PDB file of N, CA and C in Angstrom:
ATOM      1  N   MET A   1      63.126 -15.404   5.729  1.00  0.00           N
ATOM      2  CA  MET A   1      61.772 -15.253   5.914  1.00  0.00           C
ATOM      3  C   MET A   1      61.055 -16.241   5.079  1.00  0.00           C
ATOM      4  N   PHE A   2      60.339 -16.012   3.902  1.00  0.00           N
ATOM      5  CA  PHE A   2      59.543 -16.835   3.187  1.00  0.00           C
ATOM      6  C   PHE A   2      60.491 -17.129   1.917  1.00  0.00           C
ATOM      7  N   SER A   3      60.346 -18.353   1.500  1.00  0.00           N
ATOM      8  CA  SER A   3      60.924 -18.672   0.237  1.00  0.00           C
ATOM      9  C   SER A   3      60.286 -18.233  -0.965  1.00  0.00           C
ATOM     10  N   PRO A   4      60.903 -17.750  -1.980  1.00  0.00           N
ATOM     11  CA  PRO A   4      60.064 -17.198  -3.326  1.00  0.00           C
ATOM     12  C   PRO A   4      59.104 -18.303  -3.805  1.00  0.00           C
ATOM     13  N   HIS A   5      59.449 -19.535  -3.576  1.00  0.00           N
ATOM     14  CA  HIS A   5      58.396 -20.717  -4.059  1.00  0.00           C
ATOM     15  C   HIS A   5      57.119 -20.633  -3.198  1.00  0.00           C
ATOM     16  N   TYR A   6      57.281 -20.567  -1.920  1.00  0.00           N
ATOM     17  CA  TYR A   6      56.195 -20.276  -1.028  1.00  0.00           C
ATOM     18  C   TYR A   6      55.142 -19.227  -1.272  1.00  0.00           C
ATOM     19  N   ILE A   7      55.910 -18.064  -1.611  1.00  0.00           N
ATOM     20  CA  ILE A   7      55.259 -16.768  -2.093  1.00  0.00           C
ATOM     21  C   ILE A   7      54.414 -17.006  -3.251  1.00  0.00           C
ATOM     22  N   VAL A   8      54.998 -17.652  -4.136  1.00  0.00           N
ATOM     23  CA  VAL A   8      54.381 -17.892  -5.625  1.00  0.00           C
ATOM     24  C   VAL A   8      53.238 -18.772  -5.353  1.00  0.00           C
ATOM     25  N   THR A   9      53.351 -19.711  -4.527  1.00  0.00           N
ATOM     26  CA  THR A   9      52.205 -20.768  -4.332  1.00  0.00           C
ATOM     27  C   THR A   9      51.170 -20.084  -3.479  1.00  0.00           C
ATOM     28  N   LEU A  10      51.481 -19.265  -2.597  1.00  0.00           N
ATOM     29  CA  LEU A  10      50.355 -18.425  -1.778  1.00  0.00           C
ATOM     30  C   LEU A  10      49.641 -17.546  -2.786  1.00  0.00           C
ATOM     31  N   ILE A  11      50.331 -16.890  -3.709  1.00  0.00           N
ATOM     32  CA  ILE A  11      49.658 -15.988  -4.481  1.00  0.00           C
ATOM     33  C   ILE A  11      48.727 -16.734  -5.521  1.00  0.00           C
ATOM     34  N   ALA A  12      49.197 -17.893  -5.877  1.00  0.00           N
ATOM     35  CA  ALA A  12      48.317 -18.701  -6.797  1.00  0.00           C
ATOM     36  C   ALA A  12      46.966 -19.121  -6.043  1.00  0.00           C
ATOM     37  N   GLN A  13      47.187 -19.393  -4.819  1.00  0.00           N
ATOM     38  CA  GLN A  13      46.005 -19.819  -3.906  1.00  0.00           C
ATOM     39  C   GLN A  13      45.117 -18.636  -3.739  1.00  0.00           C
ATOM     40  N   ILE A  14      45.519 -17.654  -3.604  1.00  0.00           N
ATOM     41  CA  ILE A  14      44.639 -16.320  -3.340  1.00  0.00           C
ATOM     42  C   ILE A  14      44.093 -16.087  -4.652  1.00  0.00           C
ATOM     43  N   GLN A  15      44.629 -16.022  -5.847  1.00  0.00           N
ATOM     44  CA  GLN A  15      44.034 -15.877  -7.075  1.00  0.00           C
ATOM     45  C   GLN A  15      42.883 -16.897  -7.396  1.00  0.00           C
ATOM     46  N   ASN A  16      43.158 -18.250  -7.044  1.00  0.00           N
ATOM     47  CA  ASN A  16      42.162 -19.188  -7.446  1.00  0.00           C
ATOM     48  C   ASN A  16      40.938 -19.003  -6.463  1.00  0.00           C
ATOM     49  N   HIS A  17      41.367 -18.706  -5.270  1.00  0.00           N
ATOM     50  CA  HIS A  17      40.116 -18.244  -4.422  1.00  0.00           C
ATOM     51  C   HIS A  17      39.298 -17.206  -4.669  1.00  0.00           C
ATOM     52  N   ALA A  18      39.921 -16.152  -5.214  1.00  0.00           N
ATOM     53  CA  ALA A  18      39.180 -14.874  -5.720  1.00  0.00           C
ATOM     54  C   ALA A  18      38.472 -15.090  -6.860  1.00  0.00           C
ATOM     55  N   THR A  19      38.909 -16.082  -7.774  1.00  0.00           N
ATOM     56  CA  THR A  19      38.292 -16.344  -9.035  1.00  0.00           C
ATOM     57  C   THR A  19      36.963 -17.265  -8.545  1.00  0.00           C
ATOM     58  N   TYR A  20      37.168 -18.132  -7.616  1.00  0.00           N
ATOM     59  CA  TYR A  20      35.931 -18.885  -7.190  1.00  0.00           C
ATOM     60  C   TYR A  20      35.018 -17.985  -6.499  1.00  0.00           C
ATOM     61  N   ASN A  21      35.361 -17.207  -5.721  1.00  0.00           N
ATOM     62  CA  ASN A  21      34.350 -16.184  -5.158  1.00  0.00           C
ATOM     63  C   ASN A  21      33.599 -15.420  -6.176  1.00  0.00           C
ATOM     64  N   MET A  22      34.368 -14.922  -7.344  1.00  0.00           N
ATOM     65  CA  MET A  22      33.678 -14.183  -8.214  1.00  0.00           C
ATOM     66  C   MET A  22      32.558 -14.955  -8.945  1.00  0.00           C
ATOM     67  N   GLU A  23      32.932 -16.263  -9.241  1.00  0.00           N
ATOM     68  CA  GLU A  23      32.053 -17.124  -9.977  1.00  0.00           C
ATOM     69  C   GLU A  23      30.833 -17.382  -8.991  1.00  0.00           C
ATOM     70  N   GLN A  24      31.014 -17.420  -7.832  1.00  0.00           N
ATOM     71  CA  GLN A  24      29.840 -17.728  -6.891  1.00  0.00           C
ATOM     72  C   GLN A  24      28.965 -16.371  -6.870  1.00  0.00           C
ATOM     73  N   GLN A  25      29.655 -15.296  -6.787  1.00  0.00           N
ATOM     74  CA  GLN A  25      28.750 -14.065  -6.739  1.00  0.00           C
ATOM     75  C   GLN A  25      28.013 -13.851  -8.081  1.00  0.00           C
ATOM     76  N   GLN A  26      28.677 -14.095  -9.246  1.00  0.00           N
ATOM     77  CA  GLN A  26      28.000 -13.893 -10.454  1.00  0.00           C
ATOM     78  C   GLN A  26      26.760 -15.200 -10.697  1.00  0.00           C
ATOM     79  N   THR A  27      26.990 -16.225 -10.049  1.00  0.00           N
ATOM     80  CA  THR A  27      25.959 -17.178 -10.061  1.00  0.00           C
ATOM     81  C   THR A  27      24.720 -16.724  -9.134  1.00  0.00           C
ATOM     82  N   SER A  28      25.002 -15.989  -8.033  1.00  0.00           N
ATOM     83  CA  SER A  28      23.900 -15.672  -7.041  1.00  0.00           C
ATOM     84  C   SER A  28      23.170 -14.274  -7.741  1.00  0.00           C
ATOM     85  N   VAL A  29      23.900 -13.694  -8.601  1.00  0.00           N
ATOM     86  CA  VAL A  29      23.222 -12.395  -9.267  1.00  0.00           C
ATOM     87  C   VAL A  29      22.251 -13.054 -10.157  1.00  0.00           C
ATOM     88  N   LYS A  30      22.609 -13.994 -10.800  1.00  0.00           N
ATOM     89  CA  LYS A  30      21.684 -14.647 -11.872  1.00  0.00           C
ATOM     90  C   LYS A  30      20.408 -15.124 -11.159  1.00  0.00           C
ATOM     91  N   GLU A  31      20.649 -15.682 -10.120  1.00  0.00           N
ATOM     92  CA  GLU A  31      19.285 -16.162  -9.517  1.00  0.00           C
ATOM     93  C   GLU A  31      18.423 -15.016  -8.912  1.00  0.00           C
ATOM     94  N   ARG A  32      18.967 -13.952  -8.740  1.00  0.00           N
ATOM     95  CA  ARG A  32      18.140 -12.818  -8.219  1.00  0.00           C
ATOM     96  C   ARG A  32      17.372 -12.319  -9.463  1.00  0.00           C
ATOM     97  N   GLU A  33      17.791 -12.364 -10.560  1.00  0.00           N
ATOM     98  CA  GLU A  33      17.023 -11.988 -11.746  1.00  0.00           C
ATOM     99  C   GLU A  33      15.657 -12.636 -11.911  1.00  0.00           C
ATOM    100  N   ASP A  34      15.471 -13.694 -11.445  1.00  0.00           N
ATOM    101  CA  ASP A  34      14.255 -14.514 -11.589  1.00  0.00           C
ATOM    102  C   ASP A  34      13.251 -14.103 -10.583  1.00  0.00           C
ATOM    103  N   ILE A  35      13.437 -13.209  -9.618  1.00  0.00           N
ATOM    104  CA  ILE A  35      12.526 -12.709  -8.835  1.00  0.00           C
ATOM    105  C   ILE A  35      11.512 -11.770  -9.428  1.00  0.00           C
ATOM    106  N   LYS A  36      10.256 -12.032  -9.323  1.00  0.00           N
ATOM    107  CA  LYS A  36       9.235 -11.261 -10.013  1.00  0.00           C
ATOM    108  C   LYS A  36       8.353 -10.493  -8.900  1.00  0.00           C
ATOM    109  N   LEU A  37       8.363  -9.241  -9.085  1.00  0.00           N
ATOM    110  CA  LEU A  37       7.477  -8.407  -8.164  1.00  0.00           C
ATOM    111  C   LEU A  37       6.100  -8.151  -8.802  1.00  0.00           C
ATOM    112  N   LYS A  38       5.162  -7.916  -7.880  1.00  0.00           N
ATOM    113  CA  LYS A  38       3.848  -7.639  -8.535  1.00  0.00           C
ATOM    114  C   LYS A  38       3.280  -6.477  -7.504  1.00  0.00           C
ATOM    115  N   GLU A  39       2.413  -5.649  -8.154  1.00  0.00           N
ATOM    116  CA  GLU A  39       1.732  -4.577  -7.462  1.00  0.00           C
ATOM    117  C   GLU A  39       0.997  -5.039  -6.305  1.00  0.00           C
ATOM    118  N   PRO A  40       1.081  -4.275  -5.273  1.00  0.00           N
ATOM    119  CA  PRO A  40       0.367  -4.611  -4.092  1.00  0.00           C
ATOM    120  C   PRO A  40      -1.230  -4.722  -4.376  1.00  0.00           C
ATOM    121  N   ARG A  41      -1.867  -5.342  -3.685  1.00  0.00           N
ATOM    122  CA  ARG A  41      -3.384  -5.321  -3.879  1.00  0.00           C
ATOM    123  C   ARG A  41      -3.943  -4.025  -3.495  1.00  0.00           C
ATOM    124  N   ARG A  42      -4.949  -3.566  -4.182  1.00  0.00           N
ATOM    125  CA  ARG A  42      -5.777  -2.311  -3.642  1.00  0.00           C
ATOM    126  C   ARG A  42      -7.167  -2.534  -3.297  1.00  0.00           C
ATOM    127  N   TYR A  43      -7.614  -1.590  -2.553  1.00  0.00           N
ATOM    128  CA  TYR A  43      -8.831  -1.818  -1.825  1.00  0.00           C
ATOM    129  C   TYR A  43      -9.930  -0.699  -2.124  1.00  0.00           C
ATOM    130  N   LYS A  44     -11.163  -0.864  -2.293  1.00  0.00           N
ATOM    131  CA  LYS A  44     -12.155   0.150  -2.472  1.00  0.00           C
ATOM    132  C   LYS A  44     -12.655   0.510  -1.135  1.00  0.00           C
ATOM    133  N   VAL A  45     -12.744   1.735  -0.798  1.00  0.00           N
ATOM    134  CA  VAL A  45     -13.264   2.248   0.307  1.00  0.00           C
ATOM    135  C   VAL A  45     -14.783   2.676   0.005  1.00  0.00           C
ATOM    136  N   ILE A  46     -15.784   1.853   0.727  1.00  0.00           N
ATOM    137  CA  ILE A  46     -17.139   2.003   0.412  1.00  0.00           C
ATOM    138  C   ILE A  46     -17.849   2.812   1.562  1.00  0.00           C
ATOM    139  N   ILE A  47     -18.636   3.803   1.247  1.00  0.00           N
ATOM    140  CA  ILE A  47     -19.360   4.421   2.393  1.00  0.00           C
ATOM    141  C   ILE A  47     -20.822   3.950   2.141  1.00  0.00           C
ATOM    142  N   HIS A  48     -21.567   3.764   3.247  1.00  0.00           N
ATOM    143  CA  HIS A  48     -22.876   3.185   3.288  1.00  0.00           C
ATOM    144  C   HIS A  48     -23.909   4.395   3.836  1.00  0.00           C
ATOM    145  N   ASN A  49     -25.001   4.239   3.304  1.00  0.00           N
ATOM    146  CA  ASN A  49     -26.086   5.128   3.707  1.00  0.00           C
ATOM    147  C   ASN A  49     -26.782   4.678   4.974  1.00  0.00           C
ATOM    148  N   ASP A  50     -27.118   5.672   5.713  1.00  0.00           N
ATOM    149  CA  ASP A  50     -27.959   5.301   7.143  1.00  0.00           C
ATOM    150  C   ASP A  50     -29.104   6.517   7.280  1.00  0.00           C
ATOM    151  N   ASP A  51     -29.947   6.351   8.032  1.00  0.00           N
ATOM    152  CA  ASP A  51     -30.898   7.313   8.251  1.00  0.00           C
ATOM    153  C   ASP A  51     -30.690   8.495   9.304  1.00  0.00           C
ATOM    154  N   PHE A  52     -29.440   8.435   9.680  1.00  0.00           N
ATOM    155  CA  PHE A  52     -29.104   9.373  10.858  1.00  0.00           C
ATOM    156  C   PHE A  52     -28.069  10.362  10.585  1.00  0.00           C
ATOM    157  N   THR A  53     -26.946   9.941   9.793  1.00  0.00           N
ATOM    158  CA  THR A  53     -25.941  10.807   9.412  1.00  0.00           C
ATOM    159  C   THR A  53     -26.356  11.933   8.434  1.00  0.00           C
ATOM    160  N   THR A  54     -26.072  13.100   8.803  1.00  0.00           N
ATOM    161  CA  THR A  54     -26.600  14.170   7.979  1.00  0.00           C
ATOM    162  C   THR A  54     -25.719  14.185   6.658  1.00  0.00           C
ATOM    163  N   MET A  55     -26.489  14.790   5.621  1.00  0.00           N
ATOM    164  CA  MET A  55     -25.799  14.874   4.226  1.00  0.00           C
ATOM    165  C   MET A  55     -24.649  15.850   4.444  1.00  0.00           C
ATOM    166  N   GLU A  56     -24.765  16.926   5.090  1.00  0.00           N
ATOM    167  CA  GLU A  56     -23.618  17.880   5.365  1.00  0.00           C
ATOM    168  C   GLU A  56     -22.529  17.140   5.991  1.00  0.00           C
ATOM    169  N   PHE A  57     -22.597  16.271   6.897  1.00  0.00           N
ATOM    170  CA  PHE A  57     -21.643  15.680   7.639  1.00  0.00           C
ATOM    171  C   PHE A  57     -20.899  14.721   6.634  1.00  0.00           C
ATOM    172  N   VAL A  58     -21.523  13.988   5.782  1.00  0.00           N
ATOM    173  CA  VAL A  58     -20.902  13.161   4.727  1.00  0.00           C
ATOM    174  C   VAL A  58     -20.117  13.980   3.889  1.00  0.00           C
ATOM    175  N   VAL A  59     -20.656  14.981   3.547  1.00  0.00           N
ATOM    176  CA  VAL A  59     -19.810  15.901   2.571  1.00  0.00           C
ATOM    177  C   VAL A  59     -18.548  16.400   3.359  1.00  0.00           C
ATOM    178  N   ASN A  60     -18.702  16.774   4.512  1.00  0.00           N
ATOM    179  CA  ASN A  60     -17.515  17.091   5.301  1.00  0.00           C
ATOM    180  C   ASN A  60     -16.522  15.995   5.361  1.00  0.00           C
ATOM    181  N   VAL A  61     -16.944  14.817   5.628  1.00  0.00           N
ATOM    182  CA  VAL A  61     -15.850  13.583   5.636  1.00  0.00           C
ATOM    183  C   VAL A  61     -15.266  13.470   4.272  1.00  0.00           C
ATOM    184  N   LEU A  62     -16.048  13.510   3.277  1.00  0.00           N
ATOM    185  CA  LEU A  62     -15.571  13.344   1.850  1.00  0.00           C
ATOM    186  C   LEU A  62     -14.437  14.493   1.564  1.00  0.00           C
ATOM    187  N   THR A  63     -14.688  15.645   2.028  1.00  0.00           N
ATOM    188  CA  THR A  63     -13.845  16.609   1.604  1.00  0.00           C
ATOM    189  C   THR A  63     -12.634  16.672   2.528  1.00  0.00           C
ATOM    190  N   THR A  64     -12.626  16.204   3.840  1.00  0.00           N
ATOM    191  CA  THR A  64     -11.502  16.387   4.735  1.00  0.00           C
ATOM    192  C   THR A  64     -10.742  14.968   4.802  1.00  0.00           C
ATOM    193  N   VAL A  65     -11.380  13.863   4.764  1.00  0.00           N
ATOM    194  CA  VAL A  65     -10.621  12.728   4.770  1.00  0.00           C
ATOM    195  C   VAL A  65     -10.260  12.071   3.519  1.00  0.00           C
ATOM    196  N   PHE A  66     -11.119  12.101   2.445  1.00  0.00           N
ATOM    197  CA  PHE A  66     -10.814  11.648   1.170  1.00  0.00           C
ATOM    198  C   PHE A  66     -10.314  12.724   0.042  1.00  0.00           C
ATOM    199  N   TYR A  67     -10.363  14.035   0.542  1.00  0.00           N
ATOM    200  CA  TYR A  67      -9.871  15.007  -0.299  1.00  0.00           C
ATOM    201  C   TYR A  67     -10.686  15.280  -1.577  1.00  0.00           C
ATOM    202  N   LYS A  68     -11.874  15.061  -1.490  1.00  0.00           N
ATOM    203  CA  LYS A  68     -12.809  15.347  -2.657  1.00  0.00           C
ATOM    204  C   LYS A  68     -13.074  16.895  -2.731  1.00  0.00           C
ATOM    205  N   SER A  69     -13.248  17.349  -3.992  1.00  0.00           N
ATOM    206  CA  SER A  69     -13.685  18.664  -4.131  1.00  0.00           C
ATOM    207  C   SER A  69     -15.197  18.825  -3.567  1.00  0.00           C
ATOM    208  N   HIS A  70     -15.699  19.939  -3.282  1.00  0.00           N
ATOM    209  CA  HIS A  70     -16.938  20.112  -2.750  1.00  0.00           C
ATOM    210  C   HIS A  70     -18.054  19.707  -3.773  1.00  0.00           C
ATOM    211  N   PRO A  71     -18.057  19.863  -4.940  1.00  0.00           N
ATOM    212  CA  PRO A  71     -19.018  19.391  -5.977  1.00  0.00           C
ATOM    213  C   PRO A  71     -18.956  17.833  -6.091  1.00  0.00           C
ATOM    214  N   GLU A  72     -17.737  17.378  -6.093  1.00  0.00           N
ATOM    215  CA  GLU A  72     -17.595  15.819  -6.058  1.00  0.00           C
ATOM    216  C   GLU A  72     -18.154  15.144  -4.811  1.00  0.00           C
ATOM    217  N   ALA A  73     -17.912  15.821  -3.814  1.00  0.00           N
ATOM    218  CA  ALA A  73     -18.293  15.360  -2.506  1.00  0.00           C
ATOM    219  C   ALA A  73     -19.867  15.294  -2.533  1.00  0.00           C
ATOM    220  N   GLU A  74     -20.520  16.352  -2.914  1.00  0.00           N
ATOM    221  CA  GLU A  74     -21.871  16.376  -3.170  1.00  0.00           C
ATOM    222  C   GLU A  74     -22.572  15.277  -3.916  1.00  0.00           C
ATOM    223  N   THR A  75     -21.960  15.041  -5.052  1.00  0.00           N
ATOM    224  CA  THR A  75     -22.277  13.990  -5.975  1.00  0.00           C
ATOM    225  C   THR A  75     -22.214  12.656  -5.435  1.00  0.00           C
ATOM    226  N   LEU A  76     -21.147  12.457  -4.632  1.00  0.00           N
ATOM    227  CA  LEU A  76     -21.083  11.065  -4.056  1.00  0.00           C
ATOM    228  C   LEU A  76     -22.051  11.078  -3.013  1.00  0.00           C
ATOM    229  N   MET A  77     -22.179  12.040  -2.216  1.00  0.00           N
ATOM    230  CA  MET A  77     -23.404  11.905  -1.162  1.00  0.00           C
ATOM    231  C   MET A  77     -24.648  11.557  -1.688  1.00  0.00           C
ATOM    232  N   LEU A  78     -25.095  12.212  -2.651  1.00  0.00           N
ATOM    233  CA  LEU A  78     -26.411  11.877  -3.471  1.00  0.00           C
ATOM    234  C   LEU A  78     -26.375  10.607  -3.998  1.00  0.00           C
ATOM    235  N   ALA A  79     -25.214   9.962  -4.459  1.00  0.00           N
ATOM    236  CA  ALA A  79     -25.164   8.612  -4.991  1.00  0.00           C
ATOM    237  C   ALA A  79     -25.398   7.692  -3.837  1.00  0.00           C
ATOM    238  N   VAL A  80     -24.796   8.034  -2.601  1.00  0.00           N
ATOM    239  CA  VAL A  80     -24.986   6.950  -1.535  1.00  0.00           C
ATOM    240  C   VAL A  80     -26.535   6.970  -1.016  1.00  0.00           C
ATOM    241  N   HIS A  81     -26.842   8.290  -0.973  1.00  0.00           N
ATOM    242  CA  HIS A  81     -28.243   8.349  -0.522  1.00  0.00           C
ATOM    243  C   HIS A  81     -29.396   7.695  -1.350  1.00  0.00           C
ATOM    244  N   LYS A  82     -29.033   7.719  -2.604  1.00  0.00           N
ATOM    245  CA  LYS A  82     -29.962   7.119  -3.558  1.00  0.00           C
ATOM    246  C   LYS A  82     -29.705   5.482  -3.793  1.00  0.00           C
ATOM    247  N   ALA A  83     -28.455   5.209  -3.841  1.00  0.00           N
ATOM    248  CA  ALA A  83     -28.065   3.703  -4.063  1.00  0.00           C
ATOM    249  C   ALA A  83     -27.773   2.844  -2.856  1.00  0.00           C
ATOM    250  N   GLY A  84     -27.605   3.450  -1.636  1.00  0.00           N
ATOM    251  CA  GLY A  84     -27.237   2.854  -0.602  1.00  0.00           C
ATOM    252  C   GLY A  84     -25.930   2.823  -0.184  1.00  0.00           C
ATOM    253  N   SER A  85     -24.944   2.840  -1.273  1.00  0.00           N
ATOM    254  CA  SER A  85     -23.485   2.947  -0.836  1.00  0.00           C
ATOM    255  C   SER A  85     -22.813   3.442  -2.195  1.00  0.00           C
ATOM    256  N   ALA A  86     -21.576   3.752  -2.029  1.00  0.00           N
ATOM    257  CA  ALA A  86     -20.789   4.231  -3.195  1.00  0.00           C
ATOM    258  C   ALA A  86     -19.229   4.088  -2.686  1.00  0.00           C
ATOM    259  N   VAL A  87     -18.344   3.964  -3.767  1.00  0.00           N
ATOM    260  CA  VAL A  87     -17.038   3.774  -3.559  1.00  0.00           C
ATOM    261  C   VAL A  87     -16.440   5.189  -3.556  1.00  0.00           C
ATOM    262  N   VAL A  88     -15.771   5.569  -2.607  1.00  0.00           N
ATOM    263  CA  VAL A  88     -15.153   6.805  -2.357  1.00  0.00           C
ATOM    264  C   VAL A  88     -13.694   7.010  -2.724  1.00  0.00           C
ATOM    265  N   GLY A  89     -13.030   5.841  -2.949  1.00  0.00           N
ATOM    266  CA  GLY A  89     -11.576   5.859  -3.260  1.00  0.00           C
ATOM    267  C   GLY A  89     -11.150   4.458  -3.365  1.00  0.00           C
ATOM    268  N   ILE A  90      -9.969   4.356  -4.014  1.00  0.00           N
ATOM    269  CA  ILE A  90      -9.227   3.167  -4.169  1.00  0.00           C
ATOM    270  C   ILE A  90      -7.754   3.291  -3.704  1.00  0.00           C
ATOM    271  N   TYR A  91      -7.426   2.533  -2.673  1.00  0.00           N
ATOM    272  CA  TYR A  91      -6.277   2.723  -1.982  1.00  0.00           C
ATOM    273  C   TYR A  91      -5.488   1.425  -1.705  1.00  0.00           C
ATOM    274  N   SER A  92      -4.087   1.519  -1.212  1.00  0.00           N
ATOM    275  CA  SER A  92      -3.505   0.227  -0.715  1.00  0.00           C
ATOM    276  C   SER A  92      -4.209   0.018   0.619  1.00  0.00           C
ATOM    277  N   TYR A  93      -4.107  -1.168   1.226  1.00  0.00           N
ATOM    278  CA  TYR A  93      -4.698  -1.647   2.338  1.00  0.00           C
ATOM    279  C   TYR A  93      -4.528  -0.861   3.473  1.00  0.00           C
ATOM    280  N   ASP A  94      -3.253  -0.348   3.920  1.00  0.00           N
ATOM    281  CA  ASP A  94      -2.967   0.530   5.040  1.00  0.00           C
ATOM    282  C   ASP A  94      -3.641   1.915   4.811  1.00  0.00           C
ATOM    283  N   ILE A  95      -3.589   2.518   3.635  1.00  0.00           N
ATOM    284  CA  ILE A  95      -4.159   3.753   3.588  1.00  0.00           C
ATOM    285  C   ILE A  95      -5.742   3.711   3.570  1.00  0.00           C
ATOM    286  N   ALA A  96      -6.322   2.686   2.980  1.00  0.00           N
ATOM    287  CA  ALA A  96      -7.705   2.442   2.924  1.00  0.00           C
ATOM    288  C   ALA A  96      -8.070   2.321   4.511  1.00  0.00           C
ATOM    289  N   LYS A  97      -7.519   1.496   5.200  1.00  0.00           N
ATOM    290  CA  LYS A  97      -7.774   1.253   6.682  1.00  0.00           C
ATOM    291  C   LYS A  97      -7.693   2.551   7.541  1.00  0.00           C
ATOM    292  N   SER A  98      -6.681   3.221   7.249  1.00  0.00           N
ATOM    293  CA  SER A  98      -6.476   4.453   7.960  1.00  0.00           C
ATOM    294  C   SER A  98      -7.551   5.571   7.648  1.00  0.00           C
ATOM    295  N   LYS A  99      -7.950   5.627   6.324  1.00  0.00           N
ATOM    296  CA  LYS A  99      -9.006   6.532   6.207  1.00  0.00           C
ATOM    297  C   LYS A  99     -10.229   6.161   6.641  1.00  0.00           C
ATOM    298  N   ILE A 100     -10.564   4.765   6.732  1.00  0.00           N
ATOM    299  CA  ILE A 100     -11.837   4.238   7.342  1.00  0.00           C
ATOM    300  C   ILE A 100     -11.796   4.679   8.870  1.00  0.00           C
ATOM    301  N   ASN A 101     -10.684   4.346   9.492  1.00  0.00           N
ATOM    302  CA  ASN A 101     -10.575   4.623  10.952  1.00  0.00           C
ATOM    303  C   ASN A 101     -10.845   6.130  11.255  1.00  0.00           C
ATOM    304  N   LYS A 102     -10.212   7.123  10.402  1.00  0.00           N
ATOM    305  CA  LYS A 102     -10.260   8.511  10.642  1.00  0.00           C
ATOM    306  C   LYS A 102     -11.805   8.948  10.450  1.00  0.00           C
ATOM    307  N   ALA A 103     -12.332   8.474   9.396  1.00  0.00           N
ATOM    308  CA  ALA A 103     -13.807   8.851   9.102  1.00  0.00           C
ATOM    309  C   ALA A 103     -14.724   8.377  10.169  1.00  0.00           C
ATOM    310  N   THR A 104     -14.510   7.113  10.609  1.00  0.00           N
ATOM    311  CA  THR A 104     -15.361   6.499  11.580  1.00  0.00           C
ATOM    312  C   THR A 104     -15.269   7.149  12.968  1.00  0.00           C
ATOM    313  N   THR A 105     -14.039   7.596  13.216  1.00  0.00           N
ATOM    314  CA  THR A 105     -13.694   8.272  14.478  1.00  0.00           C
ATOM    315  C   THR A 105     -14.449   9.675  14.457  1.00  0.00           C
ATOM    316  N   MET A 106     -14.370  10.436  13.345  1.00  0.00           N
ATOM    317  CA  MET A 106     -15.124  11.675  13.271  1.00  0.00           C
ATOM    318  C   MET A 106     -16.502  11.575  13.455  1.00  0.00           C
ATOM    319  N   ALA A 107     -17.270  10.380  12.847  1.00  0.00           N
ATOM    320  CA  ALA A 107     -18.499  10.181  12.978  1.00  0.00           C
ATOM    321  C   ALA A 107     -19.018  10.011  14.350  1.00  0.00           C
ATOM    322  N   ARG A 108     -18.163   9.024  14.943  1.00  0.00           N
ATOM    323  CA  ARG A 108     -18.540   8.751  16.441  1.00  0.00           C
ATOM    324  C   ARG A 108     -18.388   9.914  17.300  1.00  0.00           C
ATOM    325  N   ASN A 109     -17.301  10.762  17.051  1.00  0.00           N
ATOM    326  CA  ASN A 109     -17.211  12.049  17.917  1.00  0.00           C
ATOM    327  C   ASN A 109     -18.393  12.943  17.766  1.00  0.00           C
ATOM    328  N   GLU A 110     -19.140  12.955  16.728  1.00  0.00           N
ATOM    329  CA  GLU A 110     -20.255  13.680  16.303  1.00  0.00           C
ATOM    330  C   GLU A 110     -21.564  12.851  16.621  1.00  0.00           C
ATOM    331  N   GLY A 111     -21.507  11.684  17.153  1.00  0.00           N
ATOM    332  CA  GLY A 111     -22.735  10.874  17.373  1.00  0.00           C
ATOM    333  C   GLY A 111     -23.312  10.331  16.308  1.00  0.00           C
ATOM    334  N   TYR A 112     -22.766  10.043  15.013  1.00  0.00           N
ATOM    335  CA  TYR A 112     -23.194   9.591  13.875  1.00  0.00           C
ATOM    336  C   TYR A 112     -22.833   8.023  13.604  1.00  0.00           C
ATOM    337  N   PRO A 113     -23.558   7.147  13.205  1.00  0.00           N
ATOM    338  CA  PRO A 113     -23.418   5.746  12.890  1.00  0.00           C
ATOM    339  C   PRO A 113     -22.814   5.512  11.631  1.00  0.00           C
ATOM    340  N   LEU A 114     -22.215   6.577  11.048  1.00  0.00           N
ATOM    341  CA  LEU A 114     -21.570   6.328   9.609  1.00  0.00           C
ATOM    342  C   LEU A 114     -20.814   5.034   9.481  1.00  0.00           C
ATOM    343  N   ARG A 115     -21.091   4.329   8.421  1.00  0.00           N
ATOM    344  CA  ARG A 115     -20.311   2.998   8.169  1.00  0.00           C
ATOM    345  C   ARG A 115     -19.611   3.130   6.898  1.00  0.00           C
ATOM    346  N   LEU A 116     -18.279   2.735   7.029  1.00  0.00           N
ATOM    347  CA  LEU A 116     -17.510   2.616   5.795  1.00  0.00           C
ATOM    348  C   LEU A 116     -16.805   1.310   5.891  1.00  0.00           C
ATOM    349  N   THR A 117     -16.632   0.557   4.654  1.00  0.00           N
ATOM    350  CA  THR A 117     -15.993  -0.756   4.503  1.00  0.00           C
ATOM    351  C   THR A 117     -14.989  -0.686   3.474  1.00  0.00           C
ATOM    352  N   LEU A 118     -14.181  -1.800   3.477  1.00  0.00           N
ATOM    353  CA  LEU A 118     -13.325  -1.812   2.254  1.00  0.00           C
ATOM    354  C   LEU A 118     -13.380  -3.336   1.673  1.00  0.00           C
ATOM    355  N   ALA A 119     -13.167  -3.296   0.375  1.00  0.00           N
ATOM    356  CA  ALA A 119     -13.368  -4.611  -0.348  1.00  0.00           C
ATOM    357  C   ALA A 119     -12.274  -4.582  -1.352  1.00  0.00           C
ATOM    358  N   PRO A 120     -11.575  -5.713  -1.738  1.00  0.00           N
ATOM    359  CA  PRO A 120     -10.625  -5.964  -2.738  1.00  0.00           C
ATOM    360  C   PRO A 120     -11.033  -5.297  -4.086  1.00  0.00           C
ATOM    361  N   GLU A 121     -10.220  -4.510  -4.670  1.00  0.00           N
ATOM    362  CA  GLU A 121     -10.431  -4.104  -6.003  1.00  0.00           C
ATOM    363  C   GLU A 121     -10.476  -5.313  -6.983  1.00  0.00           C
ATOM    364  N   GLU A 122     -11.507  -5.305  -7.880  1.00  0.00           N
ATOM    365  CA  GLU A 122     -11.496  -6.521  -8.934  1.00  0.00           C
ATOM    366  C   GLU A 122     -10.448  -6.420  -9.897  1.00  0.00           C
TER     367      GLU A 122
END
């Protein structure tokens, strides 16, 4: 079959190869430690005043889409009415966009021109 010398040489080559692979893996692990993660950017959802959307509908949107309590929704609605706009929440981009789309769809289905926008959080 195989000579003892051949088997010893083969075992030595396998050990050397395994040691080399371990050194390679340890080096690549060190490189991964340098990766720095940062929080995803967050966005403010802003609701804007208009002369046609009823106050009751705005409160309904704030309670159903943005999960505000009724008193908080009324306070926000009055702030929008007086100041022209107000921040109703701060979310990741996808969630902010989804909430804006849901509220806008609700408004259009009822015939209201309610406008919501998003802006990066400072």
